[in-house]
C-alpha atoms as a PDB file:
ATOM      1  CA  MET A   1     178.266 117.561 161.858  1.00  0.00           C
ATOM      2  CA  THR A   2     180.860 115.600 158.851  1.00  0.00           C
ATOM      3  CA  LYS A   3     178.306 112.251 159.663  1.00  0.00           C
ATOM      4  CA  ARG A   4     175.488 115.088 159.017  1.00  0.00           C
ATOM      5  CA  ILE A   5     177.570 116.190 155.653  1.00  0.00           C
ATOM      6  CA  VAL A   6     178.087 112.887 154.446  1.00  0.00           C
ATOM      7  CA  SER A   7     174.486 111.938 154.996  1.00  0.00           C
ATOM      8  CA  PHE A   8     173.223 114.184 152.972  1.00  0.00           C
ATOM      9  CA  PHE A   9     175.845 113.508 150.297  1.00  0.00           C
ATOM     10  CA  VAL A  10     175.222 109.944 149.916  1.00  0.00           C
ATOM     11  CA  CYS A  11     171.172 110.867 149.852  1.00  0.00           C
ATOM     12  CA  SER A  12     171.845 113.317 147.390  1.00  0.00           C
ATOM     13  CA  ILE A  13     173.779 110.456 144.835  1.00  0.00           C
ATOM     14  CA  LEU A  14     171.017 108.308 145.446  1.00  0.00           C
ATOM     15  CA  ILE A  15     168.184 111.122 144.612  1.00  0.00           C
ATOM     16  CA  PHE A  16     170.212 111.807 141.400  1.00  0.00           C
ATOM     17  CA  ASN A  17     170.793 108.537 140.458  1.00  0.00           C
ATOM     18  CA  SER A  18     166.887 107.566 140.575  1.00  0.00           C
ATOM     19  CA  CYS A  19     166.574 110.491 139.030  1.00  0.00           C
ATOM     20  CA  ASP A  20     168.773 109.371 135.686  1.00  0.00           C
ATOM     21  CA  GLN A  21     166.957 106.012 135.247  1.00  0.00           C
ATOM     22  CA  ASP A  22     163.690 107.934 134.508  1.00  0.00           C
ATOM     23  CA  PRO A  23     162.834 106.832 130.979  1.00  0.00           C
ATOM     24  CA  ILE A  24     162.835 110.479 128.133  1.00  0.00           C
ATOM     25  CA  ASP A  25     159.651 110.945 126.464  1.00  0.00           C
ATOM     26  CA  ARG A  26     160.562 112.220 123.638  1.00  0.00           C
ATOM     27  CA  ASN A  27     157.213 112.145 122.013  1.00  0.00           C
ATOM     28  CA  LYS A  28     156.742 115.652 124.785  1.00  0.00           C
ATOM     29  CA  SER A  29     157.908 119.033 124.437  1.00  0.00           C
ATOM     30  CA  ILE A  30     157.373 122.193 125.825  1.00  0.00           C
ATOM     31  CA  PHE A  31     157.646 123.799 122.828  1.00  0.00           C
ATOM     32  CA  ASP A  32     155.263 123.370 120.632  1.00  0.00           C
ATOM     33  CA  THR A  33     156.696 121.648 117.591  1.00  0.00           C
ATOM     34  CA  THR A  34     153.070 121.126 115.332  1.00  0.00           C
ATOM     35  CA  GLU A  35     153.695 122.892 111.277  1.00  0.00           C
ATOM     36  CA  LYS A  36     151.618 125.730 111.478  1.00  0.00           C
ATOM     37  CA  THR A  37     149.524 125.643 108.048  1.00  0.00           C
ATOM     38  CA  LYS A  38     149.657 129.181 106.204  1.00  0.00           C
ATOM     39  CA  THR A  39     146.919 131.506 105.239  1.00  0.00           C
ATOM     40  CA  PRO A  40     146.048 132.420 101.814  1.00  0.00           C
ATOM     41  CA  PHE A  41     147.960 135.445 103.408  1.00  0.00           C
ATOM     42  CA  GLU A  42     150.985 134.245 104.349  1.00  0.00           C
ATOM     43  CA  GLU A  43     151.047 131.861 101.180  1.00  0.00           C
ATOM     44  CA  TRP A  44     150.854 135.199  99.408  1.00  0.00           C
ATOM     45  CA  LEU A  45     153.755 136.918 101.646  1.00  0.00           C
ATOM     46  CA  TYR A  46     156.038 133.553 101.247  1.00  0.00           C
ATOM     47  CA  GLU A  47     155.923 134.019  97.343  1.00  0.00           C
ATOM     48  CA  ASN A  48     156.086 137.571  96.784  1.00  0.00           C
ATOM     49  CA  TYR A  49     158.803 138.450 100.264  1.00  0.00           C
ATOM     50  CA  THR A  50     160.177 135.768 101.646  1.00  0.00           C
ATOM     51  CA  LYS A  51     161.179 133.738  98.106  1.00  0.00           C
ATOM     52  CA  GLU A  52     161.912 136.499  95.951  1.00  0.00           C
ATOM     53  CA  TYR A  53     163.699 139.159  98.170  1.00  0.00           C
ATOM     54  CA  ASN A  54     164.223 137.032 101.525  1.00  0.00           C
ATOM     55  CA  ILE A  55     162.222 139.229 103.808  1.00  0.00           C
ATOM     56  CA  ASP A  56     160.359 138.266 106.303  1.00  0.00           C
ATOM     57  CA  PHE A  57     157.020 140.458 106.679  1.00  0.00           C
ATOM     58  CA  LYS A  58     156.047 140.725 109.578  1.00  0.00           C
ATOM     59  CA  TYR A  59     151.973 142.179 109.944  1.00  0.00           C
ATOM     60  CA  LYS A  60     151.269 140.375 113.268  1.00  0.00           C
ATOM     61  CA  PHE A  61     151.614 142.027 116.426  1.00  0.00           C
ATOM     62  CA  GLU A  62     155.529 140.662 117.890  1.00  0.00           C
ATOM     63  CA  ASP A  63     156.268 142.974 120.901  1.00  0.00           C
ATOM     64  CA  ILE A  64     160.131 141.997 120.861  1.00  0.00           C
ATOM     65  CA  GLU A  65     159.689 143.765 117.193  1.00  0.00           C
ATOM     66  CA  SER A  66     157.947 146.783 118.637  1.00  0.00           C
ATOM     67  CA  ASP A  67     159.455 150.194 120.505  1.00  0.00           C
ATOM     68  CA  ILE A  68     158.273 149.908 123.772  1.00  0.00           C
ATOM     69  CA  ARG A  69     158.775 153.643 124.153  1.00  0.00           C
ATOM     70  CA  TYR A  70     155.608 153.643 122.778  1.00  0.00           C
ATOM     71  CA  ASN A  71     151.847 152.865 123.217  1.00  0.00           C
ATOM     72  CA  LEU A  72     150.904 150.361 119.910  1.00  0.00           C
ATOM     73  CA  VAL A  73     148.244 149.122 118.425  1.00  0.00           C
ATOM     74  CA  PRO A  74     148.338 146.021 116.106  1.00  0.00           C
ATOM     75  CA  ALA A  75     147.724 146.113 112.083  1.00  0.00           C
ATOM     76  CA  ARG A  76     144.309 144.818 111.034  1.00  0.00           C
ATOM     77  CA  GLU A  77     144.574 142.084 108.784  1.00  0.00           C
ATOM     78  CA  GLU A  78     142.472 143.915 106.066  1.00  0.00           C
ATOM     79  CA  ASN A  79     145.065 146.411 106.191  1.00  0.00           C
ATOM     80  CA  ALA A  80     148.378 144.951 106.155  1.00  0.00           C
ATOM     81  CA  VAL A  81     146.846 143.020 102.999  1.00  0.00           C
ATOM     82  CA  ALA A  82     145.942 145.786 101.395  1.00  0.00           C
ATOM     83  CA  LEU A  83     149.543 147.939 102.047  1.00  0.00           C
ATOM     84  CA  ALA A  84     151.575 144.470 101.644  1.00  0.00           C
ATOM     85  CA  GLN A  85     150.452 145.155  97.745  1.00  0.00           C
ATOM     86  CA  ILE A  86     150.800 148.856  97.809  1.00  0.00           C
ATOM     87  CA  VAL A  87     154.629 148.584  99.657  1.00  0.00           C
ATOM     88  CA  LYS A  88     155.527 145.826  96.670  1.00  0.00           C
ATOM     89  CA  HIS A  89     154.062 147.157  94.077  1.00  0.00           C
ATOM     90  CA  VAL A  90     155.104 150.989  94.868  1.00  0.00           C
ATOM     91  CA  TRP A  91     158.109 150.664  96.500  1.00  0.00           C
ATOM     92  CA  ILE A  92     159.780 147.399  95.628  1.00  0.00           C
ATOM     93  CA  ASP A  93     158.679 146.748  92.172  1.00  0.00           C
ATOM     94  CA  ALA A  94     159.584 150.313  91.301  1.00  0.00           C
ATOM     95  CA  TYR A  95     163.124 149.861  92.088  1.00  0.00           C
ATOM     96  CA  ASP A  96     162.639 146.392  89.947  1.00  0.00           C
ATOM     97  CA  GLU A  97     161.508 148.357  86.840  1.00  0.00           C
ATOM     98  CA  MET A  98     164.250 151.262  87.454  1.00  0.00           C
ATOM     99  CA  LEU A  99     166.902 148.951  87.381  1.00  0.00           C
ATOM    100  CA  GLY A 100     165.723 146.309  85.244  1.00  0.00           C
ATOM    101  CA  ASN A 101     166.397 142.927  87.709  1.00  0.00           C
ATOM    102  CA  LYS A 102     165.727 142.021  91.184  1.00  0.00           C
ATOM    103  CA  HIS A 103     169.203 141.995  92.154  1.00  0.00           C
ATOM    104  CA  PHE A 104     169.051 144.950  93.848  1.00  0.00           C
ATOM    105  CA  MET A 105     166.648 145.192  95.544  1.00  0.00           C
ATOM    106  CA  ARG A 106     167.460 141.570  96.707  1.00  0.00           C
ATOM    107  CA  LYS A 107     170.363 142.972  98.384  1.00  0.00           C
ATOM    108  CA  TYR A 108     169.513 146.186  99.568  1.00  0.00           C
ATOM    109  CA  VAL A 109     166.158 145.910 100.777  1.00  0.00           C
ATOM    110  CA  PRO A 110     165.826 145.626 104.597  1.00  0.00           C
ATOM    111  CA  LYS A 111     165.148 141.853 105.661  1.00  0.00           C
ATOM    112  CA  ILE A 112     162.567 142.621 107.654  1.00  0.00           C
ATOM    113  CA  ILE A 113     159.087 144.731 107.191  1.00  0.00           C
ATOM    114  CA  HIS A 114     157.137 145.415 109.895  1.00  0.00           C
ATOM    115  CA  LEU A 115     153.614 146.825 110.497  1.00  0.00           C
ATOM    116  CA  ILE A 116     152.144 148.660 113.479  1.00  0.00           C
ATOM    117  CA  GLY A 117     148.449 150.015 113.184  1.00  0.00           C
ATOM    118  CA  SER A 118     148.827 153.245 115.551  1.00  0.00           C
ATOM    119  CA  PRO A 119     151.588 156.248 114.888  1.00  0.00           C
ATOM    120  CA  ALA A 120     154.188 156.080 117.347  1.00  0.00           C
ATOM    121  CA  TYR A 121     153.391 159.406 119.640  1.00  0.00           C
ATOM    122  CA  ASN A 122     156.474 161.172 120.800  1.00  0.00           C
ATOM    123  CA  ASP A 123     156.107 163.915 124.325  1.00  0.00           C
ATOM    124  CA  ASP A 124     156.676 166.325 121.565  1.00  0.00           C
ATOM    125  CA  GLY A 125     153.178 165.978 119.786  1.00  0.00           C
ATOM    126  CA  SER A 126     155.049 164.135 116.729  1.00  0.00           C
ATOM    127  CA  ILE A 127     153.978 160.903 115.461  1.00  0.00           C
ATOM    128  CA  VAL A 128     156.236 158.397 114.144  1.00  0.00           C
ATOM    129  CA  LEU A 129     155.153 157.179 110.101  1.00  0.00           C
ATOM    130  CA  GLY A 130     158.194 155.185 109.841  1.00  0.00           C
ATOM    131  CA  THR A 131     161.737 153.917 111.427  1.00  0.00           C
ATOM    132  CA  ALA A 132     164.510 152.008 109.415  1.00  0.00           C
ATOM    133  CA  GLU A 133     167.356 150.724 111.993  1.00  0.00           C
ATOM    134  CA  GLY A 134     170.347 149.930 110.315  1.00  0.00           C
ATOM    135  CA  GLY A 135     169.182 148.318 106.713  1.00  0.00           C
ATOM    136  CA  LEU A 136     167.933 145.267 108.335  1.00  0.00           C
ATOM    137  CA  LYS A 137     164.468 146.540 109.185  1.00  0.00           C
ATOM    138  CA  VAL A 138     162.233 148.791 108.423  1.00  0.00           C
ATOM    139  CA  THR A 139     158.816 149.566 110.768  1.00  0.00           C
ATOM    140  CA  LEU A 140     155.631 151.353 108.850  1.00  0.00           C
ATOM    141  CA  TYR A 141     153.015 152.653 111.048  1.00  0.00           C
ATOM    142  CA  MET A 142     149.120 153.935 111.047  1.00  0.00           C
ATOM    143  CA  VAL A 143     148.696 150.951 108.936  1.00  0.00           C
ATOM    144  CA  ASN A 144     144.998 151.246 110.302  1.00  0.00           C
ATOM    145  CA  ASN A 145     144.507 154.284 109.012  1.00  0.00           C
ATOM    146  CA  LEU A 146     144.313 153.327 106.087  1.00  0.00           C
ATOM    147  CA  ASP A 147     140.582 153.463 104.397  1.00  0.00           C
ATOM    148  CA  VAL A 148     140.858 150.110 102.138  1.00  0.00           C
ATOM    149  CA  ASN A 149     137.279 150.742 100.798  1.00  0.00           C
ATOM    150  CA  SER A 150     138.071 154.769  99.736  1.00  0.00           C
ATOM    151  CA  ILE A 151     141.591 154.801  98.326  1.00  0.00           C
ATOM    152  CA  ASP A 152     142.841 158.374  98.932  1.00  0.00           C
ATOM    153  CA  MET A 153     145.707 159.084  96.830  1.00  0.00           C
ATOM    154  CA  GLU A 154     146.845 162.215  98.704  1.00  0.00           C
ATOM    155  CA  ASN A 155     146.820 160.761 101.792  1.00  0.00           C
ATOM    156  CA  LEU A 156     148.718 157.749 100.234  1.00  0.00           C
ATOM    157  CA  ASN A 157     151.392 159.432  99.142  1.00  0.00           C
ATOM    158  CA  TYR A 158     152.259 161.459 101.895  1.00  0.00           C
ATOM    159  CA  TYR A 159     151.587 158.412 104.677  1.00  0.00           C
ATOM    160  CA  TYR A 160     153.130 155.561 103.219  1.00  0.00           C
ATOM    161  CA  PHE A 161     154.837 156.757  99.660  1.00  0.00           C
ATOM    162  CA  HIS A 162     156.621 158.793 100.988  1.00  0.00           C
ATOM    163  CA  THR A 163     157.685 156.845 103.746  1.00  0.00           C
ATOM    164  CA  MET A 164     158.482 154.118 102.012  1.00  0.00           C
ATOM    165  CA  HIS A 165     160.996 155.738 100.054  1.00  0.00           C
ATOM    166  CA  HIS A 166     162.203 158.369 102.948  1.00  0.00           C
ATOM    167  CA  GLU A 167     162.989 154.886 104.787  1.00  0.00           C
ATOM    168  CA  PHE A 168     164.682 153.078 101.700  1.00  0.00           C
ATOM    169  CA  ALA A 169     167.014 156.542 100.699  1.00  0.00           C
ATOM    170  CA  HIS A 170     167.906 156.173 104.641  1.00  0.00           C
ATOM    171  CA  ILE A 171     169.246 152.558 104.165  1.00  0.00           C
ATOM    172  CA  LEU A 172     170.831 153.484 100.667  1.00  0.00           C
ATOM    173  CA  HIS A 173     173.080 156.103 102.414  1.00  0.00           C
ATOM    174  CA  GLN A 174     173.680 154.341 105.521  1.00  0.00           C
ATOM    175  CA  THR A 175     175.284 152.085 103.090  1.00  0.00           C
ATOM    176  CA  LYS A 176     177.402 154.416 100.753  1.00  0.00           C
ATOM    177  CA  GLU A 177     177.573 158.079 102.028  1.00  0.00           C
ATOM    178  CA  TYR A 178     176.949 160.427 100.104  1.00  0.00           C
ATOM    179  CA  ASP A 179     178.859 163.753  99.188  1.00  0.00           C
ATOM    180  CA  THR A 180     180.262 165.705 102.018  1.00  0.00           C
ATOM    181  CA  GLU A 181     179.640 168.706 100.888  1.00  0.00           C
ATOM    182  CA  TRP A 182     176.054 168.476 101.619  1.00  0.00           C
ATOM    183  CA  LYS A 183     176.553 168.729 105.513  1.00  0.00           C
ATOM    184  CA  GLN A 184     178.185 171.778 104.542  1.00  0.00           C
ATOM    185  CA  ILE A 185     175.533 173.628 102.330  1.00  0.00           C
ATOM    186  CA  SER A 186     172.607 174.108 105.647  1.00  0.00           C
ATOM    187  CA  ASN A 187     174.967 173.263 108.517  1.00  0.00           C
ATOM    188  CA  ALA A 188     174.317 176.182 110.369  1.00  0.00           C
ATOM    189  CA  ASP A 189     170.664 175.915 110.237  1.00  0.00           C
ATOM    190  CA  TYR A 190     169.771 172.609 111.886  1.00  0.00           C
ATOM    191  CA  ILE A 191     167.795 172.407 115.125  1.00  0.00           C
ATOM    192  CA  GLY A 192     167.315 169.175 115.253  1.00  0.00           C
ATOM    193  CA  ASN A 193     163.393 168.237 117.505  1.00  0.00           C
ATOM    194  CA  ASN A 194     162.931 172.239 117.023  1.00  0.00           C
ATOM    195  CA  TRP A 195     161.455 171.397 113.617  1.00  0.00           C
ATOM    196  CA  ILE A 196     158.403 171.262 114.856  1.00  0.00           C
ATOM    197  CA  TYR A 197     157.852 174.491 115.691  1.00  0.00           C
ATOM    198  CA  GLU A 198     158.755 174.998 111.793  1.00  0.00           C
ATOM    199  CA  VAL A 199     155.832 174.264 110.206  1.00  0.00           C
ATOM    200  CA  ARG A 200     153.692 176.423 109.910  1.00  0.00           C
ATOM    201  CA  ASP A 201     155.691 178.731 108.370  1.00  0.00           C
ATOM    202  CA  THR A 202     156.598 176.994 105.039  1.00  0.00           C
ATOM    203  CA  VAL A 203     158.021 180.497 103.235  1.00  0.00           C
ATOM    204  CA  LYS A 204     160.691 180.514 106.095  1.00  0.00           C
ATOM    205  CA  TYR A 205     162.185 176.841 105.920  1.00  0.00           C
ATOM    206  CA  ARG A 206     161.685 177.312 102.037  1.00  0.00           C
ATOM    207  CA  LYS A 207     163.830 180.499 102.199  1.00  0.00           C
ATOM    208  CA  LYS A 208     166.349 178.243 103.825  1.00  0.00           C
ATOM    209  CA  GLY A 209     166.664 175.546 101.373  1.00  0.00           C
ATOM    210  CA  PHE A 210     164.744 172.966 103.251  1.00  0.00           C
ATOM    211  CA  ILE A 211     161.841 171.193 101.319  1.00  0.00           C
ATOM    212  CA  SER A 212     160.069 170.327 104.396  1.00  0.00           C
ATOM    213  CA  ALA A 213     160.151 171.388 108.150  1.00  0.00           C
ATOM    214  CA  TYR A 214     161.318 168.023 109.247  1.00  0.00           C
ATOM    215  CA  SER A 215     164.241 168.408 106.953  1.00  0.00           C
ATOM    216  CA  MET A 216     165.981 171.019 109.318  1.00  0.00           C
ATOM    217  CA  MET A 217     166.480 168.101 112.194  1.00  0.00           C
ATOM    218  CA  ASN A 218     169.927 167.217 110.147  1.00  0.00           C
ATOM    219  CA  HIS A 219     172.017 166.755 107.359  1.00  0.00           C
ATOM    220  CA  ASN A 220     170.559 163.202 106.904  1.00  0.00           C
ATOM    221  CA  GLU A 221     167.390 163.419 106.973  1.00  0.00           C
ATOM    222  CA  ASP A 222     167.755 166.570 105.176  1.00  0.00           C
ATOM    223  CA  PHE A 223     169.152 164.457 102.259  1.00  0.00           C
ATOM    224  CA  VAL A 224     166.650 161.708 102.019  1.00  0.00           C
ATOM    225  CA  GLU A 225     163.346 164.481 102.349  1.00  0.00           C
ATOM    226  CA  TYR A 226     164.432 165.599  98.827  1.00  0.00           C
ATOM    227  CA  TYR A 227     164.593 162.199  97.332  1.00  0.00           C
ATOM    228  CA  SER A 228     161.945 161.527  98.490  1.00  0.00           C
ATOM    229  CA  TYR A 229     159.486 164.221  97.798  1.00  0.00           C
ATOM    230  CA  TYR A 230     161.190 164.356  94.664  1.00  0.00           C
ATOM    231  CA  VAL A 231     160.494 160.827  93.498  1.00  0.00           C
ATOM    232  CA  THR A 232     156.784 161.528  95.040  1.00  0.00           C
ATOM    233  CA  ASN A 233     155.905 164.466  93.290  1.00  0.00           C
ATOM    234  CA  SER A 234     155.056 165.708  90.098  1.00  0.00           C
ATOM    235  CA  GLN A 235     157.458 168.430  88.762  1.00  0.00           C
ATOM    236  CA  SER A 236     154.181 170.858  88.612  1.00  0.00           C
ATOM    237  CA  TRP A 237     153.863 170.635  92.564  1.00  0.00           C
ATOM    238  CA  TRP A 238     157.957 170.347  93.039  1.00  0.00           C
ATOM    239  CA  ASP A 239     158.030 173.738  90.873  1.00  0.00           C
ATOM    240  CA  ASN A 240     155.425 175.399  92.998  1.00  0.00           C
ATOM    241  CA  GLU A 241     156.814 174.767  96.131  1.00  0.00           C
ATOM    242  CA  TRP A 242     160.404 175.974  95.479  1.00  0.00           C
ATOM    243  CA  ALA A 243     159.084 179.314  93.891  1.00  0.00           C
ATOM    244  CA  LYS A 244     158.028 179.649  97.969  1.00  0.00           C
ATOM    245  CA  GLY A 245     162.018 180.301  99.067  1.00  0.00           C
ATOM    246  CA  GLY A 246     162.450 182.846  96.360  1.00  0.00           C
ATOM    247  CA  ALA A 247     165.618 183.310  94.816  1.00  0.00           C
ATOM    248  CA  GLU A 248     167.987 182.703  97.504  1.00  0.00           C
ATOM    249  CA  GLY A 249     166.095 179.431  98.379  1.00  0.00           C
ATOM    250  CA  ILE A 250     165.800 178.369  94.978  1.00  0.00           C
ATOM    251  CA  ALA A 251     169.624 178.512  94.635  1.00  0.00           C
ATOM    252  CA  ILE A 252     170.370 176.678  97.935  1.00  0.00           C
ATOM    253  CA  MET A 253     167.852 173.681  96.630  1.00  0.00           C
ATOM    254  CA  ASN A 254     168.896 173.744  93.432  1.00  0.00           C
ATOM    255  CA  LYS A 255     172.831 173.185  94.989  1.00  0.00           C
ATOM    256  CA  LYS A 256     171.442 170.197  97.152  1.00  0.00           C
ATOM    257  CA  LEU A 257     169.087 168.378  94.673  1.00  0.00           C
ATOM    258  CA  THR A 258     172.292 168.227  92.073  1.00  0.00           C
ATOM    259  CA  ILE A 259     174.193 166.460  94.789  1.00  0.00           C
ATOM    260  CA  VAL A 260     171.242 163.908  95.266  1.00  0.00           C
ATOM    261  CA  ARG A 261     170.846 163.497  91.907  1.00  0.00           C
ATOM    262  CA  ASN A 262     174.598 162.944  90.925  1.00  0.00           C
ATOM    263  CA  TYR A 263     174.627 160.384  94.116  1.00  0.00           C
ATOM    264  CA  PHE A 264     172.055 158.221  93.290  1.00  0.00           C
ATOM    265  CA  LYS A 265     173.070 158.007  89.293  1.00  0.00           C
ATOM    266  CA  GLN A 266     176.675 157.994  90.067  1.00  0.00           C
ATOM    267  CA  VAL A 267     176.795 155.548  92.664  1.00  0.00           C
ATOM    268  CA  TRP A 268     173.360 153.389  92.383  1.00  0.00           C
ATOM    269  CA  ASN A 269     172.669 153.897  88.679  1.00  0.00           C
ATOM    270  CA  ILE A 270     169.071 155.460  89.697  1.00  0.00           C
ATOM    271  CA  ASP A 271     168.318 158.535  87.601  1.00  0.00           C
ATOM    272  CA  LEU A 272     165.694 160.785  89.595  1.00  0.00           C
ATOM    273  CA  ASP A 273     163.367 161.759  86.784  1.00  0.00           C
ATOM    274  CA  LYS A 274     162.861 158.359  85.657  1.00  0.00           C
ATOM    275  CA  MET A 275     162.359 156.910  88.828  1.00  0.00           C
ATOM    276  CA  ARG A 276     159.776 159.616  89.743  1.00  0.00           C
ATOM    277  CA  GLU A 277     158.173 158.928  86.732  1.00  0.00           C
ATOM    278  CA  ILE A 278     157.979 154.879  87.760  1.00  0.00           C
ATOM    279  CA  VAL A 279     156.937 155.873  90.868  1.00  0.00           C
ATOM    280  CA  LEU A 280     153.742 158.250  89.850  1.00  0.00           C
ATOM    281  CA  SER A 281     152.756 155.549  87.333  1.00  0.00           C
ATOM    282  CA  ARG A 282     152.671 152.392  89.867  1.00  0.00           C
ATOM    283  CA  SER A 283     151.383 154.375  92.475  1.00  0.00           C
ATOM    284  CA  ALA A 284     147.994 156.147  90.378  1.00  0.00           C
ATOM    285  CA  GLU A 285     147.634 152.400  89.842  1.00  0.00           C
ATOM    286  CA  VAL A 286     147.160 151.498  93.120  1.00  0.00           C
ATOM    287  CA  PRO A 287     143.470 152.364  92.872  1.00  0.00           C
ATOM    288  CA  THR A 288     143.116 149.014  90.627  1.00  0.00           C
ATOM    289  CA  LEU A 289     144.889 146.305  92.276  1.00  0.00           C
ATOM    290  CA  GLY A 290     142.205 145.226  93.763  1.00  0.00           C
ATOM    291  CA  LEU A 291     143.712 145.678  97.573  1.00  0.00           C
ATOM    292  CA  LEU A 292     141.409 143.066  99.386  1.00  0.00           C
ATOM    293  CA  THR A 293     142.303 140.335  97.022  1.00  0.00           C
ATOM    294  CA  PHE A 294     145.352 138.778  96.019  1.00  0.00           C
ATOM    295  CA  THR A 295     147.054 136.048  93.503  1.00  0.00           C
ATOM    296  CA  ASN A 296     148.254 132.752  94.399  1.00  0.00           C
ATOM    297  CA  SER A 297     149.235 130.729  91.435  1.00  0.00           C
ATOM    298  CA  GLY A 298     146.145 131.734  89.149  1.00  0.00           C
ATOM    299  CA  ASP A 299     143.429 132.001  91.746  1.00  0.00           C
ATOM    300  CA  SER A 300     141.886 135.054  93.161  1.00  0.00           C
ATOM    301  CA  SER A 301     142.088 134.580  97.227  1.00  0.00           C
ATOM    302  CA  PRO A 302     139.737 137.153  98.824  1.00  0.00           C
ATOM    303  CA  ILE A 303     140.385 138.603 102.279  1.00  0.00           C
ATOM    304  CA  PRO A 304     136.986 138.783 103.863  1.00  0.00           C
ATOM    305  CA  GLN A 305     136.294 141.956 105.550  1.00  0.00           C
ATOM    306  CA  LYS A 306     135.135 142.463 109.344  1.00  0.00           C
ATOM    307  CA  SER A 307     133.417 146.094 108.592  1.00  0.00           C
ATOM    308  CA  ALA A 308     134.207 149.120 106.532  1.00  0.00           C
ATOM    309  CA  PHE A 309     137.197 150.597 108.981  1.00  0.00           C
ATOM    310  CA  HIS A 310     137.589 154.317 109.475  1.00  0.00           C
ATOM    311  CA  SER A 311     140.266 156.062 111.915  1.00  0.00           C
ATOM    312  CA  ASP A 312     139.043 157.438 115.056  1.00  0.00           C
ATOM    313  CA  VAL A 313     140.856 160.201 113.880  1.00  0.00           C
ATOM    314  CA  PRO A 314     140.469 160.354 110.008  1.00  0.00           C
ATOM    315  CA  PHE A 315     142.952 162.022 107.576  1.00  0.00           C
ATOM    316  CA  ASP A 316     141.013 165.335 106.718  1.00  0.00           C
ATOM    317  CA  LYS A 317     140.504 165.709 110.852  1.00  0.00           C
ATOM    318  CA  ARG A 318     144.382 165.059 111.478  1.00  0.00           C
ATOM    319  CA  ALA A 319     146.140 167.478 109.136  1.00  0.00           C
ATOM    320  CA  THR A 320     143.295 169.952 111.660  1.00  0.00           C
ATOM    321  CA  LEU A 321     144.150 168.282 114.968  1.00  0.00           C
ATOM    322  CA  TYR A 322     147.855 167.766 114.431  1.00  0.00           C
ATOM    323  CA  PRO A 323     149.134 170.254 111.613  1.00  0.00           C
ATOM    324  CA  ASP A 324     152.684 170.665 112.572  1.00  0.00           C
ATOM    325  CA  ARG A 325     153.227 167.234 114.743  1.00  0.00           C
ATOM    326  CA  ILE A 326     153.558 164.853 111.492  1.00  0.00           C
ATOM    327  CA  LYS A 327     157.465 163.458 111.524  1.00  0.00           C
ATOM    328  CA  SER A 328     158.871 161.087 108.960  1.00  0.00           C
ATOM    329  CA  CYS A 329     160.956 159.007 110.956  1.00  0.00           C
ATOM    330  CA  SER A 330     163.096 158.193 113.604  1.00  0.00           C
ATOM    331  CA  CYS A 331     166.306 156.047 112.243  1.00  0.00           C
ATOM    332  CA  ASN A 332     168.851 154.665 113.702  1.00  0.00           C
ATOM    333  CA  SER A 333     172.583 154.404 112.482  1.00  0.00           C
ATOM    334  CA  HIS A 334     172.478 157.624 110.782  1.00  0.00           C
END
């Protein structure tokens, strides 16, 4: 037995020593080290997102960035091109204009913006429109439902503009908390995931001081829903919706809006009325942006269209099929 072990040990040494003598080919690698050539769109993203704000705008599907609980579809490139410009114009540039500089967004904007073509469907029938993850990443869903050939401002506002500001408000309150008084106003009326059963009864939740059924989920969703609905809708819309709550509901909503208004002004120097004016003005400009073209160094670079895209479940039909199952976000760390 001893001889066999010694013989094996000697052989092992010989084998390993012989391997050590093999020349190393430093010109070959198991990794692809070829420098990738950027497409015109990727150059535009680099100039407008990465270089300006240190944002990694991920429009190609990456499973490591996706939520494995859902069956998801990649975003179409032409839709990603359009949404990249919409996000920049209506979300990022709106805050730059409000505050008069880029410092705020460079500091607080999420460093990853991730696009998914489809919604994320939950077991209860609701769908996720966006997620915010600890201030580092925002994911926007339903990108493929954007009809780049026929801009519908109402749908853009509901499915995209509102979601952008909703998610960013989460990042801001995760960074600096709002007044604790907020949590006491409707504390007894938050119902968690059961909010989906309240959507049809607008008058009921407005009387309780909620601006949307989803805001009944918890105090954080309530807070960001107030902010995102306010800055993405006109005063006439707001007045009309408030009226549905009657005197009792209006009193609660006034109290909540005052806290939201004070928080954004005192903590972030953001005036809600001025912010709304800027957002609505920029939203109205979207149809004039030329969403399938973009400019790099003075050159207009078109994105070739495969075909006019229409979702299998168009927006107008989706409102009929899923009227009480739309969910604004699924957010972590709040």
